[in-house]
Structure formats: structure tokens, C-alpha cells
N, C-alpha and C. Protein backbone atom coordinates (compact mmCIF):
# COMPACT_ATOMS: atom_id res chain seq x y z
N MET A 1 42.61 -30.53 1.21
CA MET A 1 43.25 -31.84 1.29
C MET A 1 42.28 -32.79 2.00
N ASN A 2 41.97 -33.92 1.35
CA ASN A 2 41.06 -34.88 1.98
C ASN A 2 41.84 -35.84 2.88
N GLY A 3 41.10 -36.75 3.53
CA GLY A 3 41.72 -37.66 4.49
C GLY A 3 42.78 -38.57 3.88
N LYS A 4 42.49 -39.06 2.68
CA LYS A 4 43.44 -39.98 2.03
C LYS A 4 44.73 -39.26 1.66
N GLN A 5 44.60 -38.04 1.15
CA GLN A 5 45.79 -37.26 0.79
C GLN A 5 46.61 -36.95 2.04
N LEU A 6 45.92 -36.60 3.12
CA LEU A 6 46.61 -36.30 4.36
C LEU A 6 47.37 -37.52 4.87
N LYS A 7 46.70 -38.68 4.82
CA LYS A 7 47.34 -39.92 5.26
C LYS A 7 48.57 -40.22 4.42
N ASN A 8 48.43 -40.06 3.10
CA ASN A 8 49.55 -40.36 2.20
C ASN A 8 50.70 -39.38 2.38
N SER A 9 50.42 -38.15 2.82
CA SER A 9 51.50 -37.19 3.02
C SER A 9 52.21 -37.41 4.36
N ILE A 10 51.48 -37.93 5.36
CA ILE A 10 52.06 -38.13 6.70
C ILE A 10 52.77 -39.47 6.82
N LEU A 11 52.24 -40.50 6.15
CA LEU A 11 52.76 -41.86 6.31
C LEU A 11 54.26 -41.99 6.03
N PRO A 12 54.79 -41.43 4.94
CA PRO A 12 56.25 -41.56 4.72
C PRO A 12 57.07 -40.94 5.85
N TRP A 13 56.62 -39.81 6.38
CA TRP A 13 57.34 -39.17 7.48
C TRP A 13 57.29 -40.03 8.73
N ALA A 14 56.15 -40.65 8.97
CA ALA A 14 56.02 -41.50 10.15
C ALA A 14 56.94 -42.71 10.05
N LYS A 15 57.04 -43.29 8.85
CA LYS A 15 57.91 -44.46 8.67
C LYS A 15 59.37 -44.12 8.90
N LEU A 16 59.74 -42.89 8.57
CA LEU A 16 61.13 -42.47 8.76
C LEU A 16 61.40 -41.96 10.18
N GLY A 17 60.36 -41.84 11.00
CA GLY A 17 60.53 -41.37 12.36
C GLY A 17 60.73 -39.88 12.45
N LYS A 18 60.23 -39.12 11.49
CA LYS A 18 60.44 -37.68 11.46
C LYS A 18 59.32 -36.89 12.13
N LEU A 19 58.23 -37.54 12.58
CA LEU A 19 57.11 -36.80 13.15
C LEU A 19 57.33 -36.43 14.61
N VAL A 20 58.06 -37.25 15.34
CA VAL A 20 58.36 -36.96 16.75
C VAL A 20 59.87 -37.02 16.93
N PRO A 21 60.40 -36.28 17.88
CA PRO A 21 61.85 -36.33 18.09
C PRO A 21 62.28 -37.74 18.50
N GLN A 22 63.36 -38.20 17.91
CA GLN A 22 63.86 -39.54 18.20
C GLN A 22 65.01 -39.46 19.20
N ASP A 23 65.00 -40.40 20.13
CA ASP A 23 66.08 -40.48 21.12
C ASP A 23 67.24 -41.23 20.48
N PRO A 24 68.41 -40.63 20.39
CA PRO A 24 69.55 -41.32 19.75
C PRO A 24 70.00 -42.55 20.54
N ASN A 25 69.61 -42.67 21.81
CA ASN A 25 70.00 -43.83 22.62
C ASN A 25 69.10 -45.04 22.39
N ASP A 26 67.97 -44.85 21.71
CA ASP A 26 67.06 -45.97 21.43
C ASP A 26 67.68 -46.93 20.42
N GLU A 27 67.37 -48.21 20.60
CA GLU A 27 67.85 -49.21 19.64
C GLU A 27 67.07 -49.07 18.34
N PRO A 28 67.67 -49.43 17.23
CA PRO A 28 66.93 -49.41 15.96
C PRO A 28 65.80 -50.44 15.98
N ALA A 29 64.80 -50.20 15.16
CA ALA A 29 63.64 -51.09 15.11
C ALA A 29 64.04 -52.51 14.73
N SER A 30 65.03 -52.68 13.86
CA SER A 30 65.43 -54.02 13.43
C SER A 30 65.93 -54.85 14.62
N VAL A 31 66.65 -54.22 15.54
CA VAL A 31 67.15 -54.92 16.73
C VAL A 31 65.98 -55.31 17.63
N LEU A 32 65.02 -54.39 17.80
CA LEU A 32 63.86 -54.69 18.63
C LEU A 32 63.04 -55.84 18.06
N PHE A 33 62.87 -55.86 16.73
CA PHE A 33 62.12 -56.95 16.10
C PHE A 33 62.81 -58.29 16.31
N CYS A 34 64.13 -58.32 16.24
CA CYS A 34 64.87 -59.57 16.46
C CYS A 34 64.69 -60.05 17.91
N GLU A 35 64.74 -59.12 18.86
CA GLU A 35 64.57 -59.50 20.27
C GLU A 35 63.17 -60.03 20.54
N VAL A 36 62.19 -59.36 20.01
CA VAL A 36 60.80 -59.79 20.22
C VAL A 36 60.55 -61.11 19.51
N GLY A 37 61.03 -61.25 18.30
CA GLY A 37 60.80 -62.45 17.52
C GLY A 37 61.46 -63.68 18.10
N SER A 38 62.58 -63.52 18.80
CA SER A 38 63.27 -64.69 19.33
C SER A 38 62.52 -65.32 20.50
N GLY A 39 61.70 -64.55 21.21
CA GLY A 39 60.98 -65.10 22.35
C GLY A 39 59.55 -65.49 22.06
N VAL A 40 59.16 -65.44 20.80
CA VAL A 40 57.76 -65.70 20.44
C VAL A 40 57.60 -67.14 19.98
N SER A 41 56.57 -67.79 20.49
CA SER A 41 56.22 -69.11 19.99
C SER A 41 54.71 -69.18 19.85
N PHE A 42 54.24 -69.99 18.95
CA PHE A 42 52.81 -70.09 18.69
C PHE A 42 52.33 -71.49 19.01
N GLU A 43 51.14 -71.56 19.57
CA GLU A 43 50.51 -72.84 19.86
C GLU A 43 49.17 -72.90 19.15
N ARG A 44 48.83 -74.07 18.67
CA ARG A 44 47.53 -74.24 18.05
C ARG A 44 46.47 -74.24 19.14
N ALA A 45 45.41 -73.51 18.91
CA ALA A 45 44.33 -73.42 19.89
C ALA A 45 43.62 -74.77 20.00
N THR A 46 43.22 -75.11 21.21
CA THR A 46 42.49 -76.36 21.39
C THR A 46 41.04 -76.20 20.97
N PHE A 47 40.53 -74.97 21.00
CA PHE A 47 39.16 -74.70 20.58
C PHE A 47 39.11 -74.59 19.07
N SER A 48 38.11 -75.17 18.49
CA SER A 48 37.92 -75.08 17.05
C SER A 48 36.58 -74.43 16.76
N SER A 49 36.55 -73.55 15.79
CA SER A 49 35.29 -72.90 15.43
C SER A 49 34.52 -73.74 14.40
N ARG A 50 35.11 -74.84 14.00
CA ARG A 50 34.44 -75.70 13.03
C ARG A 50 33.37 -76.55 13.71
N SER A 51 32.37 -76.90 12.94
CA SER A 51 31.29 -77.74 13.46
C SER A 51 31.69 -79.20 13.42
N CYS A 52 31.10 -79.98 14.31
CA CYS A 52 31.21 -81.43 14.22
C CYS A 52 30.43 -81.86 12.98
N GLN A 53 30.95 -82.84 12.29
CA GLN A 53 30.28 -83.33 11.10
C GLN A 53 29.35 -84.48 11.49
N HIS A 54 28.06 -84.30 11.25
CA HIS A 54 27.07 -85.32 11.57
C HIS A 54 26.31 -85.69 10.30
N THR A 55 25.98 -86.97 10.18
CA THR A 55 25.04 -87.37 9.14
C THR A 55 23.64 -87.04 9.65
N GLU A 56 22.68 -87.10 8.77
CA GLU A 56 21.31 -86.80 9.19
C GLU A 56 20.84 -87.81 10.23
N GLN A 57 21.21 -89.08 10.06
CA GLN A 57 20.80 -90.10 11.02
C GLN A 57 21.42 -89.87 12.39
N GLU A 58 22.69 -89.47 12.43
CA GLU A 58 23.33 -89.18 13.71
C GLU A 58 22.65 -88.00 14.41
N LEU A 59 22.33 -86.97 13.63
CA LEU A 59 21.68 -85.80 14.21
C LEU A 59 20.28 -86.14 14.71
N LEU A 60 19.55 -86.96 13.95
CA LEU A 60 18.22 -87.38 14.40
C LEU A 60 18.30 -88.18 15.69
N SER A 61 19.32 -89.01 15.81
CA SER A 61 19.51 -89.78 17.03
C SER A 61 19.76 -88.85 18.23
N LEU A 62 20.61 -87.84 18.02
CA LEU A 62 20.85 -86.86 19.09
C LEU A 62 19.57 -86.13 19.46
N LEU A 63 18.78 -85.77 18.46
CA LEU A 63 17.53 -85.05 18.72
C LEU A 63 16.51 -85.93 19.44
N ARG A 64 16.42 -87.21 19.06
CA ARG A 64 15.50 -88.13 19.76
C ARG A 64 15.88 -88.21 21.24
N HIS A 65 17.15 -88.33 21.49
CA HIS A 65 17.64 -88.41 22.86
C HIS A 65 17.32 -87.11 23.60
N TYR A 66 17.51 -85.97 22.95
CA TYR A 66 17.23 -84.68 23.59
C TYR A 66 15.74 -84.52 23.87
N PHE A 67 14.90 -84.84 22.88
CA PHE A 67 13.46 -84.65 23.04
C PHE A 67 12.82 -85.69 23.97
N ALA A 68 13.56 -86.70 24.38
CA ALA A 68 13.03 -87.65 25.36
C ALA A 68 12.82 -86.96 26.72
N THR A 69 13.59 -85.91 26.98
CA THR A 69 13.48 -85.22 28.27
C THR A 69 13.12 -83.74 28.14
N HIS A 70 12.99 -83.23 26.92
CA HIS A 70 12.68 -81.82 26.70
C HIS A 70 11.51 -81.68 25.73
N THR A 71 10.86 -80.53 25.75
CA THR A 71 9.71 -80.32 24.87
C THR A 71 10.00 -79.44 23.67
N CYS A 72 11.03 -78.59 23.75
CA CYS A 72 11.33 -77.70 22.63
C CYS A 72 12.83 -77.53 22.48
N LEU A 73 13.21 -76.97 21.34
CA LEU A 73 14.61 -76.82 20.97
C LEU A 73 14.82 -75.44 20.39
N THR A 74 15.96 -74.83 20.66
CA THR A 74 16.35 -73.57 20.02
C THR A 74 17.65 -73.80 19.27
N ARG A 75 18.02 -72.83 18.44
CA ARG A 75 19.27 -72.95 17.69
C ARG A 75 20.46 -73.07 18.65
N ARG A 76 20.46 -72.28 19.68
CA ARG A 76 21.58 -72.29 20.62
C ARG A 76 21.71 -73.64 21.33
N ILE A 77 20.58 -74.23 21.67
CA ILE A 77 20.61 -75.56 22.31
C ILE A 77 21.14 -76.59 21.33
N LEU A 78 20.70 -76.51 20.06
CA LEU A 78 21.20 -77.45 19.05
C LEU A 78 22.70 -77.31 18.89
N GLN A 79 23.20 -76.09 18.92
CA GLN A 79 24.64 -75.87 18.83
C GLN A 79 25.36 -76.60 19.96
N ARG A 80 24.85 -76.46 21.17
CA ARG A 80 25.49 -77.06 22.34
C ARG A 80 25.39 -78.59 22.31
N VAL A 81 24.20 -79.10 21.99
CA VAL A 81 23.98 -80.55 22.02
C VAL A 81 24.78 -81.27 20.94
N ALA A 82 24.81 -80.68 19.74
CA ALA A 82 25.44 -81.37 18.61
C ALA A 82 26.83 -80.85 18.27
N GLY A 83 27.30 -79.82 18.95
CA GLY A 83 28.63 -79.28 18.67
C GLY A 83 28.71 -78.59 17.32
N LEU A 84 27.68 -77.81 16.98
CA LEU A 84 27.61 -77.15 15.68
C LEU A 84 27.92 -75.66 15.81
N SER A 85 28.38 -75.08 14.70
CA SER A 85 28.53 -73.63 14.65
C SER A 85 27.16 -73.00 14.44
N ASP A 86 27.08 -71.71 14.57
CA ASP A 86 25.83 -70.98 14.42
C ASP A 86 25.21 -71.22 13.04
N SER A 87 25.99 -71.03 11.99
CA SER A 87 25.44 -71.17 10.64
C SER A 87 25.05 -72.61 10.32
N THR A 88 25.83 -73.57 10.79
CA THR A 88 25.50 -74.98 10.54
C THR A 88 24.23 -75.38 11.27
N ALA A 89 24.06 -74.90 12.49
CA ALA A 89 22.83 -75.19 13.25
C ALA A 89 21.62 -74.61 12.53
N LYS A 90 21.74 -73.40 12.00
CA LYS A 90 20.63 -72.78 11.26
C LYS A 90 20.28 -73.61 10.02
N LYS A 91 21.30 -74.07 9.30
CA LYS A 91 21.05 -74.88 8.10
C LYS A 91 20.34 -76.18 8.45
N TRP A 92 20.79 -76.84 9.52
CA TRP A 92 20.15 -78.09 9.93
C TRP A 92 18.70 -77.85 10.36
N LEU A 93 18.44 -76.77 11.09
CA LEU A 93 17.07 -76.47 11.52
C LEU A 93 16.18 -76.20 10.32
N GLN A 94 16.68 -75.48 9.32
CA GLN A 94 15.89 -75.23 8.11
C GLN A 94 15.59 -76.54 7.40
N HIS A 95 16.60 -77.41 7.29
CA HIS A 95 16.42 -78.69 6.61
C HIS A 95 15.42 -79.58 7.35
N LEU A 96 15.58 -79.68 8.66
CA LEU A 96 14.70 -80.55 9.44
C LEU A 96 13.27 -80.01 9.50
N THR A 97 13.12 -78.70 9.42
CA THR A 97 11.78 -78.11 9.36
C THR A 97 11.15 -78.38 8.00
N ALA A 98 11.93 -78.25 6.94
CA ALA A 98 11.42 -78.48 5.58
C ALA A 98 11.03 -79.94 5.37
N THR A 99 11.74 -80.87 5.99
CA THR A 99 11.42 -82.30 5.83
C THR A 99 10.34 -82.76 6.79
N GLY A 100 9.89 -81.89 7.70
CA GLY A 100 8.79 -82.23 8.59
C GLY A 100 9.18 -82.90 9.89
N VAL A 101 10.46 -82.99 10.17
CA VAL A 101 10.91 -83.61 11.42
C VAL A 101 10.65 -82.66 12.59
N LEU A 102 10.87 -81.36 12.36
CA LEU A 102 10.64 -80.35 13.39
C LEU A 102 9.56 -79.39 12.92
N GLN A 103 8.88 -78.80 13.87
CA GLN A 103 7.89 -77.77 13.57
C GLN A 103 8.37 -76.47 14.20
N ARG A 104 8.43 -75.42 13.39
CA ARG A 104 8.88 -74.13 13.89
C ARG A 104 7.71 -73.40 14.55
N ASP A 105 7.95 -72.86 15.73
CA ASP A 105 6.92 -72.15 16.47
C ASP A 105 7.58 -70.95 17.14
N GLY A 106 6.81 -70.08 17.74
CA GLY A 106 7.35 -68.93 18.44
C GLY A 106 7.47 -67.72 17.53
N ALA A 107 8.08 -66.67 18.03
CA ALA A 107 8.25 -65.43 17.28
C ALA A 107 9.28 -65.61 16.17
N SER A 108 9.18 -64.76 15.15
CA SER A 108 10.11 -64.88 14.02
C SER A 108 11.54 -64.57 14.43
N ASN A 109 11.72 -63.71 15.43
CA ASN A 109 13.08 -63.39 15.86
C ASN A 109 13.57 -64.30 17.00
N ALA A 110 12.72 -65.17 17.50
CA ALA A 110 13.11 -66.12 18.56
C ALA A 110 12.36 -67.43 18.35
N PRO A 111 12.69 -68.16 17.27
CA PRO A 111 11.94 -69.38 16.99
C PRO A 111 12.24 -70.49 17.99
N VAL A 112 11.24 -71.33 18.19
CA VAL A 112 11.35 -72.52 19.02
C VAL A 112 10.92 -73.68 18.13
N TYR A 113 11.61 -74.79 18.24
CA TYR A 113 11.32 -75.94 17.38
C TYR A 113 10.76 -77.08 18.22
N LEU A 114 9.69 -77.68 17.70
CA LEU A 114 9.02 -78.79 18.38
C LEU A 114 9.23 -80.07 17.59
N TRP A 115 9.30 -81.19 18.28
CA TRP A 115 9.53 -82.50 17.66
C TRP A 115 8.26 -83.00 16.99
N ARG A 116 8.37 -83.39 15.73
CA ARG A 116 7.25 -83.98 15.01
C ARG A 116 7.60 -85.37 14.52
N GLY A 117 8.89 -85.71 14.57
CA GLY A 117 9.39 -86.95 14.00
C GLY A 117 8.89 -88.14 14.71
């Protein structure tokens, strides 16, 4: 008997509560679900995993301001400065490097970007 067959043979018994002795004084699951569900409320998280939407001009303005006091940029710093997600920051860095605004330097696994704009 393989793992899947074993799971399929045990699962129906588990759903019926036949694998372990049941206490007759316990409330049925339906009553417990109603009690738990009545006290539950959900709130929308204030944190968003979405990136801020920037035009290229807005992002260039942020970068000019950043490079006025710094010499290099990393993906993580771009995320923090511009409010971008990891993947969006990577896409912007690739685009800005391809257009010649930034120059990629450093190791391949830890790139550093220099201002050329």
C-alpha cells in the first residue's frame, strides 16, 4: 500500500471520528464552528504588498534626489526609496540599465548600480 492509498483509507475514518475514542460529553463540531464563527471578524491589512505606481519621469526624479547624496544604489534601496516590490524594482533596474541611465557594477549576485544619467 502506497502513501496515497493509505491516506485515502484513513481519511474517511478520521472524518467520522473513528480513529481515536470520542468523549460523549464533547459538543458536536457544528456547535463549535458556530461558536468560533460568531466571534470572528476580519480587518483589511494596512500593509500592501503592491508596488507604488511610478512613471519613468517620477522614478528618475526620485533617483536624482537619491544620487545627490549617495554614490550607488541597490535593489533593496530602490525598493525602500520608491516603495516598490522586489520584482518591480528588478524590472525598473533592468530597464534603467538598458536605457543607459544606470550602470550595473559589482558581483553578479550582488549588483550595485551607479548613476550615469
